[in-house]
């Protein structure tokens, strides 16, 4: 449960935001991309209020990898499920620390 150093965490947060925004943009839905941008700003504010743990970042990265593999394989159902799991995990993390 080591805490992550601040600079790599800030870089990770930027890259994470860009990954998710890129996915939203690739859907071709301008309204989804715009909605994601505002939602992500709120999520980042919440994430800034909890400790960033290396273990959590590693788990998130594993989820990103599984999501990317499903997308690249053309597995829409798998990608949808991976994203659902990722969002649910983030929600549970925030609830756990902010409740």
Protein backbone atom coordinates (compact mmCIF):
# COMPACT_ATOMS: atom_id res chain seq x y z
CA UNK A 1 0.00 0.00 0.00
CA UNK A 2 2.81 2.38 -0.81
CA UNK A 3 1.85 5.91 -1.73
CA UNK A 4 2.91 6.97 -5.20
CA UNK A 5 5.32 9.91 -5.67
CA UNK A 6 3.46 13.07 -6.74
CA UNK A 7 5.02 13.80 -10.15
CA UNK A 8 4.46 10.32 -11.62
CA UNK A 9 0.92 10.40 -10.20
CA UNK A 10 0.20 13.73 -11.91
CA UNK A 11 1.59 12.34 -15.17
CA UNK A 12 -0.51 9.18 -14.76
CA UNK A 13 -3.64 11.24 -14.12
CA UNK A 14 -3.03 13.26 -17.32
CA UNK A 15 -2.41 10.11 -19.37
CA UNK A 16 -5.44 8.41 -17.84
CA UNK A 17 -7.62 11.39 -18.70
CA UNK A 18 -6.28 11.41 -22.28
CA UNK A 19 -6.93 7.68 -22.67
CA UNK A 20 -10.53 7.98 -21.57
CA UNK A 21 -11.11 11.14 -23.61
CA UNK A 22 -9.61 9.45 -26.65
CA UNK A 23 -11.99 6.53 -26.23
CA UNK A 24 -14.96 8.87 -25.88
CA UNK A 25 -13.90 10.78 -29.01
CA UNK A 26 -13.43 7.55 -31.01
CA UNK A 27 -17.12 6.75 -30.52
CA UNK A 28 -17.85 9.60 -32.92
CA UNK A 29 -20.34 11.10 -30.49
CA UNK A 30 -19.53 14.76 -29.82
CA UNK A 31 -22.02 14.82 -26.94
CA UNK A 32 -20.34 11.82 -25.29
CA UNK A 33 -16.92 13.44 -25.56
CA UNK A 34 -18.27 16.71 -24.14
CA UNK A 35 -20.05 14.89 -21.31
CA UNK A 36 -16.92 12.90 -20.52
CA UNK A 37 -14.89 16.11 -20.25
CA UNK A 38 -17.18 17.58 -17.60
CA UNK A 39 -17.56 14.29 -15.74
CA UNK A 40 -13.81 13.76 -15.72
CA UNK A 41 -13.22 17.18 -14.18
CA UNK A 42 -15.52 16.20 -11.31
CA UNK A 43 -13.91 12.75 -10.98
CA UNK A 44 -10.42 14.26 -10.88
CA UNK A 45 -11.51 16.59 -8.08
CA UNK A 46 -12.71 13.57 -6.10
CA UNK A 47 -9.58 11.54 -6.89
CA UNK A 48 -7.46 14.43 -5.64
CA UNK A 49 -9.13 14.02 -2.22
CA UNK A 50 -8.07 10.42 -1.68
CA UNK A 51 -4.64 8.82 -1.29
CA UNK A 52 -3.16 7.58 -4.54
CA UNK A 53 -1.75 4.14 -3.97
CA UNK A 54 0.63 2.33 -6.27
CA UNK A 55 -1.48 -0.82 -5.99
CA UNK A 56 -4.54 1.10 -7.18
CA UNK A 57 -2.68 2.57 -10.15
CA UNK A 58 -1.42 -0.89 -11.12
CA UNK A 59 -4.95 -2.28 -10.94
CA UNK A 60 -6.27 0.57 -13.05
CA UNK A 61 -3.54 0.01 -15.63
CA UNK A 62 -4.40 -3.70 -15.81
CA UNK A 63 -8.02 -2.74 -16.46
CA UNK A 64 -6.92 -0.30 -19.18
CA UNK A 65 -4.87 -3.06 -20.82
CA UNK A 66 -7.81 -5.48 -20.78
CA UNK A 67 -10.06 -2.78 -22.23
CA UNK A 68 -7.59 -1.95 -25.01
CA UNK A 69 -7.21 -5.64 -25.88
CA UNK A 70 -10.97 -6.04 -26.17
CA UNK A 71 -11.24 -2.95 -28.38
CA UNK A 72 -8.39 -4.04 -30.63
CA UNK A 73 -9.93 -7.51 -30.93
CA UNK A 74 -13.23 -5.97 -32.02
CA UNK A 75 -14.93 -7.41 -28.95
CA UNK A 76 -17.58 -4.76 -28.26
CA UNK A 77 -19.29 -6.78 -25.51
CA UNK A 78 -15.95 -7.45 -23.82
CA UNK A 79 -14.92 -3.80 -24.09
CA UNK A 80 -18.26 -2.70 -22.65
CA UNK A 81 -17.86 -5.10 -19.73
CA UNK A 82 -14.24 -4.05 -19.09
CA UNK A 83 -15.29 -0.39 -19.03
CA UNK A 84 -18.21 -1.18 -16.73
CA UNK A 85 -15.82 -2.96 -14.34
CA UNK A 86 -13.36 -0.07 -14.50
CA UNK A 87 -16.03 2.56 -13.76
CA UNK A 88 -17.53 0.44 -10.98
CA UNK A 89 -14.08 -0.02 -9.44
CA UNK A 90 -13.40 3.71 -9.49
CA UNK A 91 -16.81 4.40 -7.96
CA UNK A 92 -16.19 1.83 -5.21
CA UNK A 93 -12.76 3.32 -4.48
CA UNK A 94 -14.19 6.81 -4.17
CA UNK A 95 -17.10 5.61 -2.01
CA UNK A 96 -14.70 3.74 0.24
CA UNK A 97 -12.50 6.75 0.90
CA UNK A 98 -15.09 9.54 0.81
CA UNK A 99 -17.91 7.90 2.80
